[in-house]
Amino acid sequence: MKPEIEAFDLGHIFQAMKMNQDGRLKAPLYVRFAMGFRHAMPVDRPSFEFHVETLRRIAPDAQWCDAGTRRHQIEVNECSITLGGHTAPGARTMSGPTATDWRPRRGTGAARGPTLRRP
């Protein structure tokens, strides 16, 4: 089984390399770049290119793929393909609701529990 390193920023890539060097992760690394999520790198091609270039520099044998939010998934996939990576749409592109799409309605009684509605 191969662990997937989900990188939300450059620090995660460098930490994965450190774990590789001390034997906790075996090469080649498999990195999934998370883009467009809260507290992750932005959906910005120059930023994505910099992250990929950095990974290639510090872990030349690493494989990588993208992970984007639903509204950016096509853009992120296109960047990934043109830069030589894999694409991984996964559950983030489902057409139905996800856990982050729902929030409790205000004013619901605690005894009944929250009533959910779409934002």
PDB file of N, CA and C in Angstrom:
ATOM      1  N   MET A   1       0.844  -1.165   0.000  1.00  0.00           N
ATOM      2  CA  MET A   1       0.000   0.000   0.000  1.00  0.00           C
ATOM      3  C   MET A   1       0.899   1.241   0.000  1.00  0.00           C
ATOM      4  N   LYS A   2       0.524   2.216  -0.801  1.00  0.00           N
ATOM      5  CA  LYS A   2       1.306   3.440  -0.938  1.00  0.00           C
ATOM      6  C   LYS A   2       0.526   4.612  -0.348  1.00  0.00           C
ATOM      7  N   PRO A   3       1.084   5.298   0.643  1.00  0.00           N
ATOM      8  CA  PRO A   3       0.370   6.460   1.189  1.00  0.00           C
ATOM      9  C   PRO A   3       0.384   7.619   0.205  1.00  0.00           C
ATOM     10  N   GLU A   4      -0.696   8.369   0.231  1.00  0.00           N
ATOM     11  CA  GLU A   4      -0.809   9.557  -0.612  1.00  0.00           C
ATOM     12  C   GLU A   4      -0.604  10.775   0.277  1.00  0.00           C
ATOM     13  N   ILE A   5       0.324  11.635  -0.113  1.00  0.00           N
ATOM     14  CA  ILE A   5       0.565  12.859   0.639  1.00  0.00           C
ATOM     15  C   ILE A   5      -0.314  13.936   0.041  1.00  0.00           C
ATOM     16  N   GLU A   6      -1.293  14.412   0.790  1.00  0.00           N
ATOM     17  CA  GLU A   6      -2.154  15.475   0.306  1.00  0.00           C
ATOM     18  C   GLU A   6      -1.531  16.798   0.723  1.00  0.00           C
ATOM     19  N   ALA A   7      -1.002  17.531  -0.272  1.00  0.00           N
ATOM     20  CA  ALA A   7      -0.256  18.758  -0.016  1.00  0.00           C
ATOM     21  C   ALA A   7      -1.136  19.981  -0.223  1.00  0.00           C
ATOM     22  N   PHE A   8      -1.385  20.700   0.861  1.00  0.00           N
ATOM     23  CA  PHE A   8      -2.146  21.930   0.793  1.00  0.00           C
ATOM     24  C   PHE A   8      -1.225  23.131   0.618  1.00  0.00           C
ATOM     25  N   ASP A   9       0.067  22.957   0.904  1.00  0.00           N
ATOM     26  CA  ASP A   9       1.060  24.004   0.687  1.00  0.00           C
ATOM     27  C   ASP A   9       2.446  23.369   0.615  1.00  0.00           C
ATOM     28  N   LEU A  10       3.463  24.184   0.359  1.00  0.00           N
ATOM     29  CA  LEU A  10       4.822  23.655   0.192  1.00  0.00           C
ATOM     30  C   LEU A  10       5.359  22.957   1.438  1.00  0.00           C
ATOM     31  N   GLY A  11       4.929  23.407   2.603  1.00  0.00           N
ATOM     32  CA  GLY A  11       5.402  22.783   3.838  1.00  0.00           C
ATOM     33  C   GLY A  11       5.092  21.304   3.891  1.00  0.00           C
ATOM     34  N   HIS A  12       3.962  20.895   3.341  1.00  0.00           N
ATOM     35  CA  HIS A  12       3.597  19.477   3.337  1.00  0.00           C
ATOM     36  C   HIS A  12       4.537  18.668   2.448  1.00  0.00           C
ATOM     37  N   ILE A  13       4.984  19.260   1.348  1.00  0.00           N
ATOM     38  CA  ILE A  13       5.919  18.573   0.453  1.00  0.00           C
ATOM     39  C   ILE A  13       7.259  18.385   1.150  1.00  0.00           C
ATOM     40  N   PHE A  14       7.753  19.434   1.782  1.00  0.00           N
ATOM     41  CA  PHE A  14       9.039  19.336   2.475  1.00  0.00           C
ATOM     42  C   PHE A  14       8.959  18.376   3.660  1.00  0.00           C
ATOM     43  N   GLN A  15       7.824  18.351   4.365  1.00  0.00           N
ATOM     44  CA  GLN A  15       7.670  17.408   5.475  1.00  0.00           C
ATOM     45  C   GLN A  15       7.671  15.973   4.961  1.00  0.00           C
ATOM     46  N   ALA A  16       7.015  15.743   3.828  1.00  0.00           N
ATOM     47  CA  ALA A  16       7.008  14.399   3.235  1.00  0.00           C
ATOM     48  C   ALA A  16       8.427  13.974   2.860  1.00  0.00           C
ATOM     49  N   MET A  17       9.220  14.884   2.329  1.00  0.00           N
ATOM     50  CA  MET A  17      10.618  14.560   1.992  1.00  0.00           C
ATOM     51  C   MET A  17      11.415  14.235   3.252  1.00  0.00           C
ATOM     52  N   LYS A  18      11.178  14.993   4.316  1.00  0.00           N
ATOM     53  CA  LYS A  18      11.858  14.720   5.585  1.00  0.00           C
ATOM     54  C   LYS A  18      11.498  13.320   6.084  1.00  0.00           C
ATOM     55  N   MET A  19      10.213  12.965   5.976  1.00  0.00           N
ATOM     56  CA  MET A  19       9.763  11.634   6.386  1.00  0.00           C
ATOM     57  C   MET A  19      10.356  10.548   5.489  1.00  0.00           C
ATOM     58  N   ASN A  20      10.568  10.871   4.237  1.00  0.00           N
ATOM     59  CA  ASN A  20      11.215   9.935   3.319  1.00  0.00           C
ATOM     60  C   ASN A  20      12.680   9.731   3.708  1.00  0.00           C
ATOM     61  N   GLN A  21      13.354  10.807   4.022  1.00  0.00           N
ATOM     62  CA  GLN A  21      14.777  10.738   4.365  1.00  0.00           C
ATOM     63  C   GLN A  21      15.022   9.989   5.673  1.00  0.00           C
ATOM     64  N   ASP A  22      14.091  10.087   6.628  1.00  0.00           N
ATOM     65  CA  ASP A  22      14.306   9.363   7.887  1.00  0.00           C
ATOM     66  C   ASP A  22      13.637   7.986   7.895  1.00  0.00           C
ATOM     67  N   GLY A  23      13.113   7.550   6.733  1.00  0.00           N
ATOM     68  CA  GLY A  23      12.618   6.195   6.595  1.00  0.00           C
ATOM     69  C   GLY A  23      11.148   5.975   6.890  1.00  0.00           C
ATOM     70  N   ARG A  24      10.415   7.023   7.258  1.00  0.00           N
ATOM     71  CA  ARG A  24       8.990   6.844   7.554  1.00  0.00           C
ATOM     72  C   ARG A  24       8.134   6.698   6.304  1.00  0.00           C
ATOM     73  N   LEU A  25       8.580   7.262   5.179  1.00  0.00           N
ATOM     74  CA  LEU A  25       7.905   7.113   3.889  1.00  0.00           C
ATOM     75  C   LEU A  25       8.909   6.578   2.886  1.00  0.00           C
ATOM     76  N   LYS A  26       8.490   5.591   2.106  1.00  0.00           N
ATOM     77  CA  LYS A  26       9.375   5.028   1.092  1.00  0.00           C
ATOM     78  C   LYS A  26       9.167   5.724  -0.244  1.00  0.00           C
ATOM     79  N   ALA A  27      10.266   5.913  -0.958  1.00  0.00           N
ATOM     80  CA  ALA A  27      10.209   6.496  -2.300  1.00  0.00           C
ATOM     81  C   ALA A  27       9.711   5.436  -3.274  1.00  0.00           C
ATOM     82  N   PRO A  28       9.124   5.833  -4.364  1.00  0.00           N
ATOM     83  CA  PRO A  28       8.813   7.210  -4.746  1.00  0.00           C
ATOM     84  C   PRO A  28       7.557   7.707  -4.026  1.00  0.00           C
ATOM     85  N   LEU A  29       7.566   8.988  -3.701  1.00  0.00           N
ATOM     86  CA  LEU A  29       6.417   9.609  -3.044  1.00  0.00           C
ATOM     87  C   LEU A  29       5.274   9.768  -4.042  1.00  0.00           C
ATOM     88  N   TYR A  30       4.054   9.783  -3.524  1.00  0.00           N
ATOM     89  CA  TYR A  30       2.877  10.082  -4.344  1.00  0.00           C
ATOM     90  C   TYR A  30       2.173  11.258  -3.689  1.00  0.00           C
ATOM     91  N   VAL A  31       2.173  12.395  -4.367  1.00  0.00           N
ATOM     92  CA  VAL A  31       1.658  13.641  -3.812  1.00  0.00           C
ATOM     93  C   VAL A  31       0.391  14.058  -4.548  1.00  0.00           C
ATOM     94  N   ARG A  32      -0.588  14.488  -3.787  1.00  0.00           N
ATOM     95  CA  ARG A  32      -1.823  15.031  -4.351  1.00  0.00           C
ATOM     96  C   ARG A  32      -1.877  16.506  -3.958  1.00  0.00           C
ATOM     97  N   PHE A  33      -1.800  17.380  -4.951  1.00  0.00           N
ATOM     98  CA  PHE A  33      -1.847  18.816  -4.705  1.00  0.00           C
ATOM     99  C   PHE A  33      -3.298  19.258  -4.527  1.00  0.00           C
ATOM    100  N   ALA A  34      -3.618  19.806  -3.372  1.00  0.00           N
ATOM    101  CA  ALA A  34      -4.970  20.280  -3.075  1.00  0.00           C
ATOM    102  C   ALA A  34      -5.048  21.766  -3.398  1.00  0.00           C
ATOM    103  N   MET A  35      -5.943  22.102  -4.312  1.00  0.00           N
ATOM    104  CA  MET A  35      -6.061  23.487  -4.765  1.00  0.00           C
ATOM    105  C   MET A  35      -7.504  23.971  -4.654  1.00  0.00           C
ATOM    106  N   GLY A  36      -7.651  25.222  -4.230  1.00  0.00           N
ATOM    107  CA  GLY A  36      -8.967  25.835  -4.184  1.00  0.00           C
ATOM    108  C   GLY A  36      -9.773  25.527  -2.937  1.00  0.00           C
ATOM    109  N   PHE A  37      -9.217  24.769  -2.035  1.00  0.00           N
ATOM    110  CA  PHE A  37      -9.888  24.462  -0.776  1.00  0.00           C
ATOM    111  C   PHE A  37      -9.538  25.542   0.240  1.00  0.00           C
ATOM    112  N   ARG A  38     -10.346  25.662   1.268  1.00  0.00           N
ATOM    113  CA  ARG A  38     -10.029  26.595   2.343  1.00  0.00           C
ATOM    114  C   ARG A  38      -8.675  26.195   2.943  1.00  0.00           C
ATOM    115  N   HIS A  39      -7.814  27.164   3.133  1.00  0.00           N
ATOM    116  CA  HIS A  39      -6.476  26.979   3.719  1.00  0.00           C
ATOM    117  C   HIS A  39      -5.556  26.132   2.833  1.00  0.00           C
ATOM    118  N   ALA A  40      -5.789  26.130   1.532  1.00  0.00           N
ATOM    119  CA  ALA A  40      -4.930  25.400   0.596  1.00  0.00           C
ATOM    120  C   ALA A  40      -4.406  26.386  -0.435  1.00  0.00           C
ATOM    121  N   MET A  41      -3.531  25.875  -1.320  1.00  0.00           N
ATOM    122  CA  MET A  41      -3.021  26.755  -2.362  1.00  0.00           C
ATOM    123  C   MET A  41      -4.164  27.198  -3.275  1.00  0.00           C
ATOM    124  N   PRO A  42      -4.054  28.401  -3.844  1.00  0.00           N
ATOM    125  CA  PRO A  42      -5.115  28.894  -4.713  1.00  0.00           C
ATOM    126  C   PRO A  42      -5.110  28.185  -6.061  1.00  0.00           C
ATOM    127  N   VAL A  43      -6.211  28.295  -6.772  1.00  0.00           N
ATOM    128  CA  VAL A  43      -6.275  27.769  -8.134  1.00  0.00           C
ATOM    129  C   VAL A  43      -5.648  28.839  -9.020  1.00  0.00           C
ATOM    130  N   ASP A  44      -4.343  28.691  -9.208  1.00  0.00           N
ATOM    131  CA  ASP A  44      -3.548  29.678  -9.922  1.00  0.00           C
ATOM    132  C   ASP A  44      -2.427  28.920 -10.623  1.00  0.00           C
ATOM    133  N   ARG A  45      -2.395  28.948 -11.959  1.00  0.00           N
ATOM    134  CA  ARG A  45      -1.434  28.145 -12.698  1.00  0.00           C
ATOM    135  C   ARG A  45       0.020  28.423 -12.293  1.00  0.00           C
ATOM    136  N   PRO A  46       0.464  29.689 -12.187  1.00  0.00           N
ATOM    137  CA  PRO A  46       1.860  29.908 -11.767  1.00  0.00           C
ATOM    138  C   PRO A  46       2.178  29.293 -10.396  1.00  0.00           C
ATOM    139  N   SER A  47       1.224  29.356  -9.461  1.00  0.00           N
ATOM    140  CA  SER A  47       1.449  28.728  -8.147  1.00  0.00           C
ATOM    141  C   SER A  47       1.560  27.218  -8.284  1.00  0.00           C
ATOM    142  N   PHE A  48       0.676  26.629  -9.075  1.00  0.00           N
ATOM    143  CA  PHE A  48       0.691  25.185  -9.309  1.00  0.00           C
ATOM    144  C   PHE A  48       2.010  24.768  -9.953  1.00  0.00           C
ATOM    145  N   GLU A  49       2.465  25.527 -10.968  1.00  0.00           N
ATOM    146  CA  GLU A  49       3.737  25.227 -11.627  1.00  0.00           C
ATOM    147  C   GLU A  49       4.894  25.276 -10.632  1.00  0.00           C
ATOM    148  N   PHE A  50       4.865  26.264  -9.725  1.00  0.00           N
ATOM    149  CA  PHE A  50       5.924  26.377  -8.716  1.00  0.00           C
ATOM    150  C   PHE A  50       5.932  25.175  -7.785  1.00  0.00           C
ATOM    151  N   HIS A  51       4.759  24.730  -7.350  1.00  0.00           N
ATOM    152  CA  HIS A  51       4.669  23.560  -6.473  1.00  0.00           C
ATOM    153  C   HIS A  51       5.182  22.310  -7.187  1.00  0.00           C
ATOM    154  N   VAL A  52       4.785  22.129  -8.444  1.00  0.00           N
ATOM    155  CA  VAL A  52       5.232  20.957  -9.212  1.00  0.00           C
ATOM    156  C   VAL A  52       6.748  21.021  -9.428  1.00  0.00           C
ATOM    157  N   GLU A  53       7.247  22.196  -9.795  1.00  0.00           N
ATOM    158  CA  GLU A  53       8.691  22.371 -10.012  1.00  0.00           C
ATOM    159  C   GLU A  53       9.473  22.070  -8.725  1.00  0.00           C
ATOM    160  N   THR A  54       8.961  22.520  -7.589  1.00  0.00           N
ATOM    161  CA  THR A  54       9.615  22.257  -6.308  1.00  0.00           C
ATOM    162  C   THR A  54       9.629  20.763  -6.009  1.00  0.00           C
ATOM    163  N   LEU A  55       8.509  20.093  -6.233  1.00  0.00           N
ATOM    164  CA  LEU A  55       8.459  18.644  -6.005  1.00  0.00           C
ATOM    165  C   LEU A  55       9.460  17.926  -6.909  1.00  0.00           C
ATOM    166  N   ARG A  56       9.514  18.312  -8.170  1.00  0.00           N
ATOM    167  CA  ARG A  56      10.461  17.681  -9.109  1.00  0.00           C
ATOM    168  C   ARG A  56      11.902  17.908  -8.684  1.00  0.00           C
ATOM    169  N   ARG A  57      12.179  19.064  -8.092  1.00  0.00           N
ATOM    170  CA  ARG A  57      13.538  19.380  -7.652  1.00  0.00           C
ATOM    171  C   ARG A  57      13.946  18.552  -6.434  1.00  0.00           C
ATOM    172  N   ILE A  58      13.052  18.434  -5.450  1.00  0.00           N
ATOM    173  CA  ILE A  58      13.443  17.753  -4.209  1.00  0.00           C
ATOM    174  C   ILE A  58      13.141  16.256  -4.216  1.00  0.00           C
ATOM    175  N   ALA A  59      12.225  15.822  -5.093  1.00  0.00           N
ATOM    176  CA  ALA A  59      11.871  14.399  -5.185  1.00  0.00           C
ATOM    177  C   ALA A  59      11.619  14.057  -6.658  1.00  0.00           C
ATOM    178  N   PRO A  60      12.689  13.967  -7.452  1.00  0.00           N
ATOM    179  CA  PRO A  60      12.529  13.788  -8.894  1.00  0.00           C
ATOM    180  C   PRO A  60      11.772  12.534  -9.308  1.00  0.00           C
ATOM    181  N   ASP A  61      11.748  11.517  -8.468  1.00  0.00           N
ATOM    182  CA  ASP A  61      11.046  10.282  -8.825  1.00  0.00           C
ATOM    183  C   ASP A  61       9.586  10.255  -8.344  1.00  0.00           C
ATOM    184  N   ALA A  62       9.151  11.326  -7.694  1.00  0.00           N
ATOM    185  CA  ALA A  62       7.784  11.373  -7.155  1.00  0.00           C
ATOM    186  C   ALA A  62       6.753  11.425  -8.279  1.00  0.00           C
ATOM    187  N   GLN A  63       5.612  10.831  -8.009  1.00  0.00           N
ATOM    188  CA  GLN A  63       4.458  10.963  -8.894  1.00  0.00           C
ATOM    189  C   GLN A  63       3.477  11.890  -8.202  1.00  0.00           C
ATOM    190  N   TRP A  64       2.634  12.515  -8.981  1.00  0.00           N
ATOM    191  CA  TRP A  64       1.699  13.465  -8.380  1.00  0.00           C
ATOM    192  C   TRP A  64       0.415  13.555  -9.183  1.00  0.00           C
ATOM    193  N   CYS A  65      -0.605  14.073  -8.506  1.00  0.00           N
ATOM    194  CA  CYS A  65      -1.896  14.320  -9.137  1.00  0.00           C
ATOM    195  C   CYS A  65      -2.486  15.590  -8.540  1.00  0.00           C
ATOM    196  N   ASP A  66      -3.619  15.979  -9.062  1.00  0.00           N
ATOM    197  CA  ASP A  66      -4.279  17.184  -8.576  1.00  0.00           C
ATOM    198  C   ASP A  66      -5.517  16.831  -7.762  1.00  0.00           C
ATOM    199  N   ALA A  67      -5.970  17.795  -7.013  1.00  0.00           N
ATOM    200  CA  ALA A  67      -7.260  17.713  -6.325  1.00  0.00           C
ATOM    201  C   ALA A  67      -7.792  19.129  -6.270  1.00  0.00           C
ATOM    202  N   GLY A  68      -8.915  19.361  -6.910  1.00  0.00           N
ATOM    203  CA  GLY A  68      -9.505  20.698  -6.927  1.00  0.00           C
ATOM    204  C   GLY A  68     -10.933  20.656  -6.441  1.00  0.00           C
ATOM    205  N   THR A  69     -11.438  21.818  -6.060  1.00  0.00           N
ATOM    206  CA  THR A  69     -12.838  21.898  -5.679  1.00  0.00           C
ATOM    207  C   THR A  69     -13.702  21.752  -6.921  1.00  0.00           C
ATOM    208  N   ARG A  70     -14.954  21.452  -6.714  1.00  0.00           N
ATOM    209  CA  ARG A  70     -15.848  21.198  -7.843  1.00  0.00           C
ATOM    210  C   ARG A  70     -15.822  22.313  -8.886  1.00  0.00           C
ATOM    211  N   ARG A  71     -15.921  23.556  -8.472  1.00  0.00           N
ATOM    212  CA  ARG A  71     -16.007  24.625  -9.465  1.00  0.00           C
ATOM    213  C   ARG A  71     -14.696  24.854 -10.205  1.00  0.00           C
ATOM    214  N   HIS A  72     -13.586  24.368  -9.670  1.00  0.00           N
ATOM    215  CA  HIS A  72     -12.290  24.536 -10.313  1.00  0.00           C
ATOM    216  C   HIS A  72     -11.730  23.229 -10.877  1.00  0.00           C
ATOM    217  N   GLN A  73     -12.459  22.141 -10.763  1.00  0.00           N
ATOM    218  CA  GLN A  73     -11.891  20.833 -11.095  1.00  0.00           C
ATOM    219  C   GLN A  73     -11.391  20.750 -12.535  1.00  0.00           C
ATOM    220  N   ILE A  74     -12.145  21.233 -13.495  1.00  0.00           N
ATOM    221  CA  ILE A  74     -11.731  21.151 -14.900  1.00  0.00           C
ATOM    222  C   ILE A  74     -10.451  21.951 -15.122  1.00  0.00           C
ATOM    223  N   GLU A  75     -10.397  23.166 -14.596  1.00  0.00           N
ATOM    224  CA  GLU A  75      -9.203  24.007 -14.727  1.00  0.00           C
ATOM    225  C   GLU A  75      -7.979  23.337 -14.105  1.00  0.00           C
ATOM    226  N   VAL A  76      -8.149  22.778 -12.933  1.00  0.00           N
ATOM    227  CA  VAL A  76      -7.046  22.099 -12.243  1.00  0.00           C
ATOM    228  C   VAL A  76      -6.620  20.854 -13.023  1.00  0.00           C
ATOM    229  N   ASN A  77      -7.580  20.076 -13.531  1.00  0.00           N
ATOM    230  CA  ASN A  77      -7.244  18.892 -14.328  1.00  0.00           C
ATOM    231  C   ASN A  77      -6.463  19.266 -15.577  1.00  0.00           C
ATOM    232  N   GLU A  78      -6.880  20.327 -16.259  1.00  0.00           N
ATOM    233  CA  GLU A  78      -6.177  20.766 -17.466  1.00  0.00           C
ATOM    234  C   GLU A  78      -4.736  21.149 -17.152  1.00  0.00           C
ATOM    235  N   CYS A  79      -4.535  21.881 -16.071  1.00  0.00           N
ATOM    236  CA  CYS A  79      -3.167  22.246 -15.660  1.00  0.00           C
ATOM    237  C   CYS A  79      -2.352  21.002 -15.368  1.00  0.00           C
ATOM    238  N   SER A  80      -2.924  20.081 -14.633  1.00  0.00           N
ATOM    239  CA  SER A  80      -2.223  18.858 -14.258  1.00  0.00           C
ATOM    240  C   SER A  80      -1.801  18.062 -15.488  1.00  0.00           C
ATOM    241  N   ILE A  81      -2.710  17.915 -16.436  1.00  0.00           N
ATOM    242  CA  ILE A  81      -2.401  17.147 -17.644  1.00  0.00           C
ATOM    243  C   ILE A  81      -1.285  17.819 -18.433  1.00  0.00           C
ATOM    244  N   THR A  82      -1.370  19.139 -18.604  1.00  0.00           N
ATOM    245  CA  THR A  82      -0.342  19.836 -19.388  1.00  0.00           C
ATOM    246  C   THR A  82       1.010  19.857 -18.694  1.00  0.00           C
ATOM    247  N   LEU A  83       1.025  19.713 -17.373  1.00  0.00           N
ATOM    248  CA  LEU A  83       2.295  19.683 -16.636  1.00  0.00           C
ATOM    249  C   LEU A  83       2.834  18.261 -16.452  1.00  0.00           C
ATOM    250  N   GLY A  84       2.114  17.267 -16.966  1.00  0.00           N
ATOM    251  CA  GLY A  84       2.597  15.893 -16.911  1.00  0.00           C
ATOM    252  C   GLY A  84       2.164  15.094 -15.704  1.00  0.00           C
ATOM    253  N   GLY A  85       1.153  15.560 -14.996  1.00  0.00           N
ATOM    254  CA  GLY A  85       0.678  14.841 -13.814  1.00  0.00           C
ATOM    255  C   GLY A  85      -0.551  14.009 -14.096  1.00  0.00           C
ATOM    256  N   HIS A  86      -1.057  13.409 -13.042  1.00  0.00           N
ATOM    257  CA  HIS A  86      -2.284  12.616 -13.109  1.00  0.00           C
ATOM    258  C   HIS A  86      -3.439  13.492 -12.659  1.00  0.00           C
ATOM    259  N   THR A  87      -4.644  13.055 -12.953  1.00  0.00           N
ATOM    260  CA  THR A  87      -5.823  13.759 -12.450  1.00  0.00           C
ATOM    261  C   THR A  87      -6.571  12.827 -11.504  1.00  0.00           C
ATOM    262  N   ALA A  88      -7.212  13.422 -10.521  1.00  0.00           N
ATOM    263  CA  ALA A  88      -7.930  12.619  -9.526  1.00  0.00           C
ATOM    264  C   ALA A  88      -9.185  13.362  -9.107  1.00  0.00           C
ATOM    265  N   PRO A  89     -10.268  13.252  -9.864  1.00  0.00           N
ATOM    266  CA  PRO A  89     -11.463  13.998  -9.498  1.00  0.00           C
ATOM    267  C   PRO A  89     -12.072  13.572  -8.173  1.00  0.00           C
ATOM    268  N   GLY A  90     -12.158  12.277  -7.905  1.00  0.00           N
ATOM    269  CA  GLY A  90     -12.632  11.791  -6.610  1.00  0.00           C
ATOM    270  C   GLY A  90     -13.999  12.310  -6.216  1.00  0.00           C
ATOM    271  N   ALA A  91     -14.287  12.278  -4.919  1.00  0.00           N
ATOM    272  CA  ALA A  91     -15.604  12.648  -4.396  1.00  0.00           C
ATOM    273  C   ALA A  91     -15.852  14.146  -4.456  1.00  0.00           C
ATOM    274  N   ARG A  92     -14.843  14.935  -4.666  1.00  0.00           N
ATOM    275  CA  ARG A  92     -15.010  16.381  -4.664  1.00  0.00           C
ATOM    276  C   ARG A  92     -15.785  16.877  -5.873  1.00  0.00           C
ATOM    277  N   THR A  93     -16.012  16.023  -6.850  1.00  0.00           N
ATOM    278  CA  THR A  93     -16.721  16.457  -8.047  1.00  0.00           C
ATOM    279  C   THR A  93     -18.121  15.864  -8.131  1.00  0.00           C
ATOM    280  N   MET A  94     -18.594  15.221  -7.074  1.00  0.00           N
ATOM    281  CA  MET A  94     -19.926  14.634  -7.107  1.00  0.00           C
ATOM    282  C   MET A  94     -20.964  15.724  -7.362  1.00  0.00           C
ATOM    283  N   SER A  95     -21.999  15.376  -8.095  1.00  0.00           N
ATOM    284  CA  SER A  95     -23.031  16.368  -8.381  1.00  0.00           C
ATOM    285  C   SER A  95     -23.975  16.559  -7.199  1.00  0.00           C
ATOM    286  N   GLY A  96     -24.000  15.638  -6.278  1.00  0.00           N
ATOM    287  CA  GLY A  96     -24.869  15.743  -5.110  1.00  0.00           C
ATOM    288  C   GLY A  96     -24.217  16.544  -4.002  1.00  0.00           C
ATOM    289  N   PRO A  97     -24.897  16.701  -2.879  1.00  0.00           N
ATOM    290  CA  PRO A  97     -24.356  17.481  -1.775  1.00  0.00           C
ATOM    291  C   PRO A  97     -23.214  16.752  -1.076  1.00  0.00           C
ATOM    292  N   THR A  98     -22.323  17.522  -0.516  1.00  0.00           N
ATOM    293  CA  THR A  98     -21.248  16.977   0.303  1.00  0.00           C
ATOM    294  C   THR A  98     -21.394  17.548   1.705  1.00  0.00           C
ATOM    295  N   ALA A  99     -20.576  17.086   2.618  1.00  0.00           N
ATOM    296  CA  ALA A  99     -20.686  17.520   4.015  1.00  0.00           C
ATOM    297  C   ALA A  99     -20.547  19.030   4.149  1.00  0.00           C
ATOM    298  N   THR A 100     -19.733  19.659   3.309  1.00  0.00           N
ATOM    299  CA  THR A 100     -19.528  21.102   3.431  1.00  0.00           C
ATOM    300  C   THR A 100     -20.620  21.906   2.745  1.00  0.00           C
ATOM    301  N   ASP A 101     -21.522  21.259   1.993  1.00  0.00           N
ATOM    302  CA  ASP A 101     -22.605  21.973   1.318  1.00  0.00           C
ATOM    303  C   ASP A 101     -23.790  22.243   2.234  1.00  0.00           C
ATOM    304  N   TRP A 102     -23.818  21.621   3.385  1.00  0.00           N
ATOM    305  CA  TRP A 102     -24.978  21.712   4.260  1.00  0.00           C
ATOM    306  C   TRP A 102     -24.614  22.433   5.540  1.00  0.00           C
ATOM    307  N   ARG A 103     -25.571  23.165   6.048  1.00  0.00           N
ATOM    308  CA  ARG A 103     -25.371  23.817   7.343  1.00  0.00           C
ATOM    309  C   ARG A 103     -26.694  23.865   8.080  1.00  0.00           C
ATOM    310  N   PRO A 104     -26.659  23.905   9.406  1.00  0.00           N
ATOM    311  CA  PRO A 104     -27.915  23.917  10.160  1.00  0.00           C
ATOM    312  C   PRO A 104     -28.716  25.185   9.894  1.00  0.00           C
ATOM    313  N   ARG A 105     -30.027  25.036   9.863  1.00  0.00           N
ATOM    314  CA  ARG A 105     -30.915  26.192   9.723  1.00  0.00           C
ATOM    315  C   ARG A 105     -30.981  26.883  11.070  1.00  0.00           C
ATOM    316  N   ARG A 106     -31.018  28.186  11.047  1.00  0.00           N
ATOM    317  CA  ARG A 106     -31.092  28.932  12.308  1.00  0.00           C
ATOM    318  C   ARG A 106     -32.429  28.715  12.998  1.00  0.00           C
ATOM    319  N   GLY A 107     -32.395  28.748  14.315  1.00  0.00           N
ATOM    320  CA  GLY A 107     -33.612  28.707  15.099  1.00  0.00           C
ATOM    321  C   GLY A 107     -34.232  27.329  15.247  1.00  0.00           C
ATOM    322  N   THR A 108     -33.475  26.285  15.034  1.00  0.00           N
ATOM    323  CA  THR A 108     -34.051  24.947  15.190  1.00  0.00           C
ATOM    324  C   THR A 108     -33.984  24.532  16.644  1.00  0.00           C
ATOM    325  N   GLY A 109     -34.938  23.736  17.054  1.00  0.00           N
ATOM    326  CA  GLY A 109     -34.971  23.269  18.434  1.00  0.00           C
ATOM    327  C   GLY A 109     -33.935  22.187  18.677  1.00  0.00           C
ATOM    328  N   ALA A 110     -33.265  22.255  19.801  1.00  0.00           N
ATOM    329  CA  ALA A 110     -32.221  21.282  20.112  1.00  0.00           C
ATOM    330  C   ALA A 110     -32.786  19.877  20.262  1.00  0.00           C
ATOM    331  N   ALA A 111     -34.038  19.766  20.754  1.00  0.00           N
ATOM    332  CA  ALA A 111     -34.629  18.444  20.956  1.00  0.00           C
ATOM    333  C   ALA A 111     -34.839  17.715  19.617  1.00  0.00           C
ATOM    334  N   ARG A 112     -35.199  18.471  18.597  1.00  0.00           N
ATOM    335  CA  ARG A 112     -35.409  17.879  17.283  1.00  0.00           C
ATOM    336  C   ARG A 112     -34.103  17.648  16.526  1.00  0.00           C
ATOM    337  N   GLY A 113     -33.083  18.385  16.888  1.00  0.00           N
ATOM    338  CA  GLY A 113     -31.832  18.357  16.125  1.00  0.00           C
ATOM    339  C   GLY A 113     -31.906  19.364  14.993  1.00  0.00           C
ATOM    340  N   PRO A 114     -30.792  19.640  14.360  1.00  0.00           N
ATOM    341  CA  PRO A 114     -30.799  20.671  13.315  1.00  0.00           C
ATOM    342  C   PRO A 114     -31.516  20.196  12.056  1.00  0.00           C
ATOM    343  N   THR A 115     -32.191  21.115  11.411  1.00  0.00           N
ATOM    344  CA  THR A 115     -32.784  20.857  10.102  1.00  0.00           C
ATOM    345  C   THR A 115     -31.803  21.392   9.075  1.00  0.00           C
ATOM    346  N   LEU A 116     -31.494  20.578   8.101  1.00  0.00           N
ATOM    347  CA  LEU A 116     -30.492  20.980   7.136  1.00  0.00           C
ATOM    348  C   LEU A 116     -31.122  21.589   5.903  1.00  0.00           C
ATOM    349  N   ARG A 117     -30.457  22.573   5.359  1.00  0.00           N
ATOM    350  CA  ARG A 117     -30.908  23.180   4.111  1.00  0.00           C
ATOM    351  C   ARG A 117     -29.678  23.502   3.264  1.00  0.00           C
ATOM    352  N   ARG A 118     -29.873  23.580   2.003  1.00  0.00           N
ATOM    353  CA  ARG A 118     -28.787  23.941   1.097  1.00  0.00           C
ATOM    354  C   ARG A 118     -28.508  25.414   1.197  1.00  0.00           C
ATOM    355  N   PRO A 119     -27.240  25.836   1.164  1.00  0.00           N
ATOM    356  CA  PRO A 119     -26.922  27.275   1.254  1.00  0.00           C
ATOM    357  C   PRO A 119     -27.443  28.046   0.060  1.00  0.00           C
TER     358      PRO A 119
END
